[in-house]
Protein backbone atom coordinates (compact mmCIF):
# COMPACT_ATOMS: atom_id res chain seq x y z
CA MET A 1 71.40 74.95 10.13
CA LYS A 2 69.04 72.48 11.80
CA ILE A 3 66.47 70.35 10.01
CA TYR A 4 63.52 68.77 11.81
CA LEU A 5 61.03 66.17 10.64
CA VAL A 6 57.56 67.31 11.77
CA GLY A 7 53.88 66.47 11.38
CA GLY A 8 52.27 63.16 10.55
CA ALA A 9 55.55 61.49 9.62
CA VAL A 10 56.70 61.79 13.24
CA ARG A 11 53.43 60.29 14.48
CA ASP A 12 53.65 57.48 11.94
CA ARG A 13 57.23 56.67 12.92
CA LEU A 14 56.29 56.54 16.61
CA LEU A 15 53.41 54.20 15.77
CA GLN A 16 55.70 52.15 13.48
CA ARG A 17 53.51 52.82 10.45
CA PRO A 18 54.68 53.76 6.95
CA ALA A 19 54.74 57.52 6.46
CA GLY A 20 52.62 58.92 3.66
CA ASP A 21 54.63 62.12 3.36
CA HIS A 22 57.44 64.00 5.05
CA ASP A 23 57.26 67.59 6.28
CA TRP A 24 60.45 69.40 7.23
CA VAL A 25 61.23 72.59 9.17
CA VAL A 26 64.60 74.23 8.51
CA VAL A 27 65.96 76.66 11.13
CA GLY A 28 68.97 78.91 10.74
CA ALA A 29 69.42 78.72 6.95
CA THR A 30 69.53 81.57 4.51
CA PRO A 31 67.58 81.41 1.24
CA ALA A 32 70.88 80.86 -0.58
CA GLN A 33 71.61 77.78 1.56
CA MET A 34 68.25 76.30 0.70
């Protein structure tokens, strides 16, 4: 299973700003693993 931080939180981290929210993408997990 791999978990990636995506969206505005990545942009905010690169710009060294506080992130308002965190969006995650999970790849390779079954519903039971979630």
